[in-house]
């Protein structure tokens, strides 16, 4: 993975940056600005398991938002 999780902008690679599996970026909207809820746009490339990419993003979100539960 390469990019910035804090900015919600990253690329997910297979191996050593040989093949892009997916890319993610934050979708800016009035709702996200006022309510503080991020909406993400994810582009998943052909022949890639959607469930794998969604699970990976959910895990990373859980790891990076761990302080919400303290």
PDB file of N, CA and C in Angstrom:
ATOM      1  N   UNK A   1       0.848  -1.169   0.000  1.00  0.00           N
ATOM      2  CA  UNK A   1       0.000   0.000   0.000  1.00  0.00           C
ATOM      3  C   UNK A   1       0.892   1.231   0.000  1.00  0.00           C
ATOM      4  N   UNK A   2       0.501   2.214  -0.774  1.00  0.00           N
ATOM      5  CA  UNK A   2       1.277   3.450  -0.846  1.00  0.00           C
ATOM      6  C   UNK A   2       0.307   4.626  -0.841  1.00  0.00           C
ATOM      7  N   UNK A   3       0.623   5.639  -0.068  1.00  0.00           N
ATOM      8  CA  UNK A   3      -0.214   6.827   0.002  1.00  0.00           C
ATOM      9  C   UNK A   3      -0.384   7.262   1.440  1.00  0.00           C
ATOM     10  N   UNK A   4      -1.448   8.013   1.696  1.00  0.00           N
ATOM     11  CA  UNK A   4      -1.694   8.545   3.028  1.00  0.00           C
ATOM     12  C   UNK A   4      -3.068   8.110   3.520  1.00  0.00           C
ATOM     13  N   UNK A   5      -3.070   7.300   4.582  1.00  0.00           N
ATOM     14  CA  UNK A   5      -4.359   6.888   5.137  1.00  0.00           C
ATOM     15  C   UNK A   5      -5.064   8.086   5.767  1.00  0.00           C
ATOM     16  N   UNK A   6      -4.326   8.990   6.391  1.00  0.00           N
ATOM     17  CA  UNK A   6      -4.946  10.155   7.018  1.00  0.00           C
ATOM     18  C   UNK A   6      -5.683  11.030   6.010  1.00  0.00           C
ATOM     19  N   UNK A   7      -5.139  11.118   4.800  1.00  0.00           N
ATOM     20  CA  UNK A   7      -5.797  11.887   3.744  1.00  0.00           C
ATOM     21  C   UNK A   7      -6.787  11.037   2.957  1.00  0.00           C
ATOM     22  N   UNK A   8      -6.872   9.771   3.315  1.00  0.00           N
ATOM     23  CA  UNK A   8      -7.766   8.814   2.644  1.00  0.00           C
ATOM     24  C   UNK A   8      -7.479   8.731   1.149  1.00  0.00           C
ATOM     25  N   UNK A   9      -6.224   8.703   0.811  1.00  0.00           N
ATOM     26  CA  UNK A   9      -5.811   8.610  -0.585  1.00  0.00           C
ATOM     27  C   UNK A   9      -4.655   7.620  -0.688  1.00  0.00           C
ATOM     28  N   UNK A  10      -4.914   6.479  -1.340  1.00  0.00           N
ATOM     29  CA  UNK A  10      -3.846   5.487  -1.436  1.00  0.00           C
ATOM     30  C   UNK A  10      -4.075   4.529  -2.597  1.00  0.00           C
ATOM     31  N   UNK A  11      -3.016   3.818  -2.937  1.00  0.00           N
ATOM     32  CA  UNK A  11      -3.039   2.750  -3.924  1.00  0.00           C
ATOM     33  C   UNK A  11      -2.731   1.450  -3.200  1.00  0.00           C
ATOM     34  N   UNK A  12      -3.407   0.388  -3.587  1.00  0.00           N
ATOM     35  CA  UNK A  12      -3.151  -0.932  -3.029  1.00  0.00           C
ATOM     36  C   UNK A  12      -2.514  -1.760  -4.135  1.00  0.00           C
ATOM     37  N   UNK A  13      -1.334  -2.263  -3.857  1.00  0.00           N
ATOM     38  CA  UNK A  13      -0.558  -3.006  -4.850  1.00  0.00           C
ATOM     39  C   UNK A  13      -0.482  -4.484  -4.496  1.00  0.00           C
ATOM     40  N   UNK A  14      -0.192  -5.291  -5.501  1.00  0.00           N
ATOM     41  CA  UNK A  14       0.127  -6.692  -5.317  1.00  0.00           C
ATOM     42  C   UNK A  14       1.636  -6.839  -5.459  1.00  0.00           C
ATOM     43  N   UNK A  15       2.274  -7.342  -4.428  1.00  0.00           N
ATOM     44  CA  UNK A  15       3.724  -7.496  -4.501  1.00  0.00           C
ATOM     45  C   UNK A  15       4.438  -6.171  -4.320  1.00  0.00           C
ATOM     46  N   UNK A  16       5.528  -6.024  -5.009  1.00  0.00           N
ATOM     47  CA  UNK A  16       6.378  -4.841  -4.902  1.00  0.00           C
ATOM     48  C   UNK A  16       6.016  -3.785  -5.952  1.00  0.00           C
ATOM     49  N   UNK A  17       4.827  -3.265  -5.873  1.00  0.00           N
ATOM     50  CA  UNK A  17       4.352  -2.208  -6.776  1.00  0.00           C
ATOM     51  C   UNK A  17       4.339  -2.635  -8.247  1.00  0.00           C
ATOM     52  N   UNK A  18       4.143  -3.923  -8.500  1.00  0.00           N
ATOM     53  CA  UNK A  18       4.075  -4.388  -9.878  1.00  0.00           C
ATOM     54  C   UNK A  18       2.679  -4.228 -10.463  1.00  0.00           C
ATOM     55  N   UNK A  19       1.674  -4.526  -9.663  1.00  0.00           N
ATOM     56  CA  UNK A  19       0.301  -4.525 -10.146  1.00  0.00           C
ATOM     57  C   UNK A  19      -0.585  -3.756  -9.178  1.00  0.00           C
ATOM     58  N   UNK A  20      -1.331  -2.778  -9.686  1.00  0.00           N
ATOM     59  CA  UNK A  20      -2.286  -2.045  -8.845  1.00  0.00           C
ATOM     60  C   UNK A  20      -3.552  -2.878  -8.724  1.00  0.00           C
ATOM     61  N   UNK A  21      -3.969  -3.136  -7.487  1.00  0.00           N
ATOM     62  CA  UNK A  21      -5.210  -3.860  -7.244  1.00  0.00           C
ATOM     63  C   UNK A  21      -6.385  -2.902  -7.118  1.00  0.00           C
ATOM     64  N   UNK A  22      -6.146  -1.774  -6.432  1.00  0.00           N
ATOM     65  CA  UNK A  22      -7.229  -0.826  -6.186  1.00  0.00           C
ATOM     66  C   UNK A  22      -6.635   0.529  -5.814  1.00  0.00           C
ATOM     67  N   UNK A  23      -7.468   1.549  -5.937  1.00  0.00           N
ATOM     68  CA  UNK A  23      -7.087   2.865  -5.443  1.00  0.00           C
ATOM     69  C   UNK A  23      -8.260   3.464  -4.694  1.00  0.00           C
ATOM     70  N   UNK A  24      -7.956   4.267  -3.705  1.00  0.00           N
ATOM     71  CA  UNK A  24      -8.978   4.842  -2.847  1.00  0.00           C
ATOM     72  C   UNK A  24      -8.704   6.329  -2.673  1.00  0.00           C
ATOM     73  N   UNK A  25      -9.785   7.114  -2.628  1.00  0.00           N
ATOM     74  CA  UNK A  25      -9.633   8.524  -2.294  1.00  0.00           C
ATOM     75  C   UNK A  25     -10.902   9.009  -1.597  1.00  0.00           C
ATOM     76  N   UNK A  26     -10.753  10.067  -0.853  1.00  0.00           N
ATOM     77  CA  UNK A  26     -11.856  10.638  -0.094  1.00  0.00           C
ATOM     78  C   UNK A  26     -12.768  11.424  -1.030  1.00  0.00           C
ATOM     79  N   UNK A  27     -14.061  11.203  -0.882  1.00  0.00           N
ATOM     80  CA  UNK A  27     -15.048  11.949  -1.656  1.00  0.00           C
ATOM     81  C   UNK A  27     -15.511  13.121  -0.795  1.00  0.00           C
ATOM     82  N   UNK A  28     -15.234  14.319  -1.258  1.00  0.00           N
ATOM     83  CA  UNK A  28     -15.613  15.520  -0.505  1.00  0.00           C
ATOM     84  C   UNK A  28     -17.069  15.868  -0.778  1.00  0.00           C
ATOM     85  N   UNK A  29     -17.798  16.126   0.293  1.00  0.00           N
ATOM     86  CA  UNK A  29     -19.194  16.525   0.155  1.00  0.00           C
ATOM     87  C   UNK A  29     -19.549  17.430   1.328  1.00  0.00           C
ATOM     88  N   UNK A  30     -20.669  18.083   1.227  1.00  0.00           N
ATOM     89  CA  UNK A  30     -21.136  18.958   2.305  1.00  0.00           C
ATOM     90  C   UNK A  30     -21.378  18.125   3.564  1.00  0.00           C
ATOM     91  N   UNK A  31     -21.972  16.957   3.372  1.00  0.00           N
ATOM     92  CA  UNK A  31     -22.258  16.077   4.500  1.00  0.00           C
ATOM     93  C   UNK A  31     -20.979  15.661   5.225  1.00  0.00           C
ATOM     94  N   UNK A  32     -19.951  15.312   4.467  1.00  0.00           N
ATOM     95  CA  UNK A  32     -18.710  14.880   5.108  1.00  0.00           C
ATOM     96  C   UNK A  32     -18.035  16.023   5.858  1.00  0.00           C
ATOM     97  N   UNK A  33     -18.162  17.228   5.350  1.00  0.00           N
ATOM     98  CA  UNK A  33     -17.547  18.379   6.010  1.00  0.00           C
ATOM     99  C   UNK A  33     -18.272  18.751   7.302  1.00  0.00           C
ATOM    100  N   UNK A  34     -19.608  18.737   7.290  1.00  0.00           N
ATOM    101  CA  UNK A  34     -20.369  19.157   8.458  1.00  0.00           C
ATOM    102  C   UNK A  34     -20.536  18.064   9.498  1.00  0.00           C
ATOM    103  N   UNK A  35     -20.694  16.823   9.075  1.00  0.00           N
ATOM    104  CA  UNK A  35     -20.911  15.727  10.009  1.00  0.00           C
ATOM    105  C   UNK A  35     -19.631  15.001  10.387  1.00  0.00           C
ATOM    106  N   UNK A  36     -18.552  15.280   9.668  1.00  0.00           N
ATOM    107  CA  UNK A  36     -17.287  14.641   9.975  1.00  0.00           C
ATOM    108  C   UNK A  36     -17.235  13.178   9.592  1.00  0.00           C
ATOM    109  N   UNK A  37     -18.100  12.764   8.669  1.00  0.00           N
ATOM    110  CA  UNK A  37     -18.113  11.368   8.222  1.00  0.00           C
ATOM    111  C   UNK A  37     -17.517  11.304   6.830  1.00  0.00           C
ATOM    112  N   UNK A  38     -16.446  10.529   6.703  1.00  0.00           N
ATOM    113  CA  UNK A  38     -15.779  10.396   5.415  1.00  0.00           C
ATOM    114  C   UNK A  38     -16.532   9.431   4.510  1.00  0.00           C
ATOM    115  N   UNK A  39     -16.582   9.786   3.246  1.00  0.00           N
ATOM    116  CA  UNK A  39     -17.066   8.875   2.213  1.00  0.00           C
ATOM    117  C   UNK A  39     -15.892   8.595   1.301  1.00  0.00           C
ATOM    118  N   UNK A  40     -15.696   7.335   1.001  1.00  0.00           N
ATOM    119  CA  UNK A  40     -14.552   6.935   0.203  1.00  0.00           C
ATOM    120  C   UNK A  40     -14.988   6.459  -1.169  1.00  0.00           C
ATOM    121  N   UNK A  41     -14.190   6.775  -2.155  1.00  0.00           N
ATOM    122  CA  UNK A  41     -14.375   6.246  -3.511  1.00  0.00           C
ATOM    123  C   UNK A  41     -13.276   5.210  -3.712  1.00  0.00           C
ATOM    124  N   UNK A  42     -13.663   4.014  -4.086  1.00  0.00           N
ATOM    125  CA  UNK A  42     -12.702   2.943  -4.299  1.00  0.00           C
ATOM    126  C   UNK A  42     -12.853   2.432  -5.720  1.00  0.00           C
ATOM    127  N   UNK A  43     -11.744   2.384  -6.431  1.00  0.00           N
ATOM    128  CA  UNK A  43     -11.708   1.802  -7.769  1.00  0.00           C
ATOM    129  C   UNK A  43     -10.964   0.485  -7.661  1.00  0.00           C
ATOM    130  N   UNK A  44     -11.654  -0.605  -8.005  1.00  0.00           N
ATOM    131  CA  UNK A  44     -11.053  -1.928  -7.941  1.00  0.00           C
ATOM    132  C   UNK A  44     -10.812  -2.393  -9.373  1.00  0.00           C
ATOM    133  N   UNK A  45      -9.595  -2.789  -9.633  1.00  0.00           N
ATOM    134  CA  UNK A  45      -9.188  -3.155 -10.986  1.00  0.00           C
ATOM    135  C   UNK A  45      -9.740  -4.524 -11.375  1.00  0.00           C
ATOM    136  N   UNK A  46      -9.793  -4.831 -12.677  1.00  0.00           N
ATOM    137  CA  UNK A  46     -10.343  -6.114 -13.145  1.00  0.00           C
ATOM    138  C   UNK A  46      -9.590  -7.312 -12.558  1.00  0.00           C
ATOM    139  N   UNK A  47     -10.326  -8.386 -12.372  1.00  0.00           N
ATOM    140  CA  UNK A  47      -9.794  -9.662 -11.865  1.00  0.00           C
ATOM    141  C   UNK A  47      -9.262  -9.578 -10.444  1.00  0.00           C
ATOM    142  N   UNK A  48      -9.796  -8.640  -9.663  1.00  0.00           N
ATOM    143  CA  UNK A  48      -9.419  -8.499  -8.259  1.00  0.00           C
ATOM    144  C   UNK A  48     -10.660  -8.776  -7.416  1.00  0.00           C
ATOM    145  N   UNK A  49     -10.495  -9.507  -6.338  1.00  0.00           N
ATOM    146  CA  UNK A  49     -11.590  -9.880  -5.449  1.00  0.00           C
ATOM    147  C   UNK A  49     -12.067  -8.645  -4.664  1.00  0.00           C
ATOM    148  N   UNK A  50     -13.313  -8.251  -4.906  1.00  0.00           N
ATOM    149  CA  UNK A  50     -13.879  -7.073  -4.244  1.00  0.00           C
ATOM    150  C   UNK A  50     -13.900  -7.252  -2.731  1.00  0.00           C
ATOM    151  N   UNK A  51     -14.279  -8.436  -2.271  1.00  0.00           N
ATOM    152  CA  UNK A  51     -14.365  -8.688  -0.832  1.00  0.00           C
ATOM    153  C   UNK A  51     -13.001  -8.522  -0.159  1.00  0.00           C
ATOM    154  N   UNK A  52     -11.941  -8.949  -0.827  1.00  0.00           N
ATOM    155  CA  UNK A  52     -10.590  -8.801  -0.276  1.00  0.00           C
ATOM    156  C   UNK A  52     -10.251  -7.329  -0.092  1.00  0.00           C
ATOM    157  N   UNK A  53     -10.520  -6.507  -1.094  1.00  0.00           N
ATOM    158  CA  UNK A  53     -10.185  -5.081  -1.025  1.00  0.00           C
ATOM    159  C   UNK A  53     -11.017  -4.391   0.053  1.00  0.00           C
ATOM    160  N   UNK A  54     -12.307  -4.692   0.121  1.00  0.00           N
ATOM    161  CA  UNK A  54     -13.167  -4.074   1.140  1.00  0.00           C
ATOM    162  C   UNK A  54     -12.716  -4.493   2.537  1.00  0.00           C
ATOM    163  N   UNK A  55     -12.378  -5.777   2.709  1.00  0.00           N
ATOM    164  CA  UNK A  55     -11.895  -6.252   4.012  1.00  0.00           C
ATOM    165  C   UNK A  55     -10.591  -5.559   4.395  1.00  0.00           C
ATOM    166  N   UNK A  56      -9.682  -5.399   3.445  1.00  0.00           N
ATOM    167  CA  UNK A  56      -8.414  -4.724   3.710  1.00  0.00           C
ATOM    168  C   UNK A  56      -8.644  -3.279   4.145  1.00  0.00           C
ATOM    169  N   UNK A  57      -9.532  -2.577   3.468  1.00  0.00           N
ATOM    170  CA  UNK A  57      -9.833  -1.186   3.833  1.00  0.00           C
ATOM    171  C   UNK A  57     -10.490  -1.123   5.208  1.00  0.00           C
ATOM    172  N   UNK A  58     -11.393  -2.048   5.505  1.00  0.00           N
ATOM    173  CA  UNK A  58     -12.049  -2.072   6.817  1.00  0.00           C
ATOM    174  C   UNK A  58     -11.036  -2.328   7.935  1.00  0.00           C
ATOM    175  N   UNK A  59     -10.095  -3.249   7.698  1.00  0.00           N
ATOM    176  CA  UNK A  59      -9.059  -3.533   8.696  1.00  0.00           C
ATOM    177  C   UNK A  59      -8.175  -2.310   8.921  1.00  0.00           C
ATOM    178  N   UNK A  60      -7.751  -1.681   7.841  1.00  0.00           N
ATOM    179  CA  UNK A  60      -6.910  -0.486   7.966  1.00  0.00           C
ATOM    180  C   UNK A  60      -7.649   0.639   8.676  1.00  0.00           C
ATOM    181  N   UNK A  61      -8.936   0.781   8.402  1.00  0.00           N
ATOM    182  CA  UNK A  61      -9.740   1.804   9.071  1.00  0.00           C
ATOM    183  C   UNK A  61      -9.817   1.513  10.568  1.00  0.00           C
ATOM    184  N   UNK A  62     -10.019   0.250  10.911  1.00  0.00           N
ATOM    185  CA  UNK A  62     -10.077  -0.139  12.317  1.00  0.00           C
ATOM    186  C   UNK A  62      -8.761   0.121  13.030  1.00  0.00           C
ATOM    187  N   UNK A  63      -7.661  -0.185  12.376  1.00  0.00           N
ATOM    188  CA  UNK A  63      -6.337   0.036  12.972  1.00  0.00           C
ATOM    189  C   UNK A  63      -6.081   1.528  13.165  1.00  0.00           C
ATOM    190  N   UNK A  64      -6.401   2.322  12.169  1.00  0.00           N
ATOM    191  CA  UNK A  64      -6.088   3.750  12.220  1.00  0.00           C
ATOM    192  C   UNK A  64      -7.084   4.552  13.027  1.00  0.00           C
ATOM    193  N   UNK A  65      -8.242   3.996  13.346  1.00  0.00           N
ATOM    194  CA  UNK A  65      -9.229   4.691  14.174  1.00  0.00           C
ATOM    195  C   UNK A  65      -9.353   4.025  15.524  1.00  0.00           C
ATOM    196  N   UNK A  66      -8.324   3.300  15.945  1.00  0.00           N
ATOM    197  CA  UNK A  66      -8.317   2.566  17.198  1.00  0.00           C
ATOM    198  C   UNK A  66      -8.522   3.480  18.396  1.00  0.00           C
ATOM    199  N   UNK A  67      -8.101   4.735  18.305  1.00  0.00           N
ATOM    200  CA  UNK A  67      -8.222   5.672  19.417  1.00  0.00           C
ATOM    201  C   UNK A  67      -9.672   6.045  19.701  1.00  0.00           C
ATOM    202  N   UNK A  68     -10.617   5.742  18.789  1.00  0.00           N
ATOM    203  CA  UNK A  68     -12.040   6.038  19.002  1.00  0.00           C
ATOM    204  C   UNK A  68     -12.612   5.201  20.129  1.00  0.00           C
ATOM    205  N   UNK A  69     -11.982   4.074  20.467  1.00  0.00           N
ATOM    206  CA  UNK A  69     -12.534   3.156  21.454  1.00  0.00           C
ATOM    207  C   UNK A  69     -11.855   3.259  22.794  1.00  0.00           C
ATOM    208  N   UNK A  70     -10.963   4.173  22.981  1.00  0.00           N
ATOM    209  CA  UNK A  70     -10.253   4.320  24.254  1.00  0.00           C
ATOM    210  C   UNK A  70     -11.027   5.213  25.192  1.00  0.00           C
TER     211      UNK A  70
END
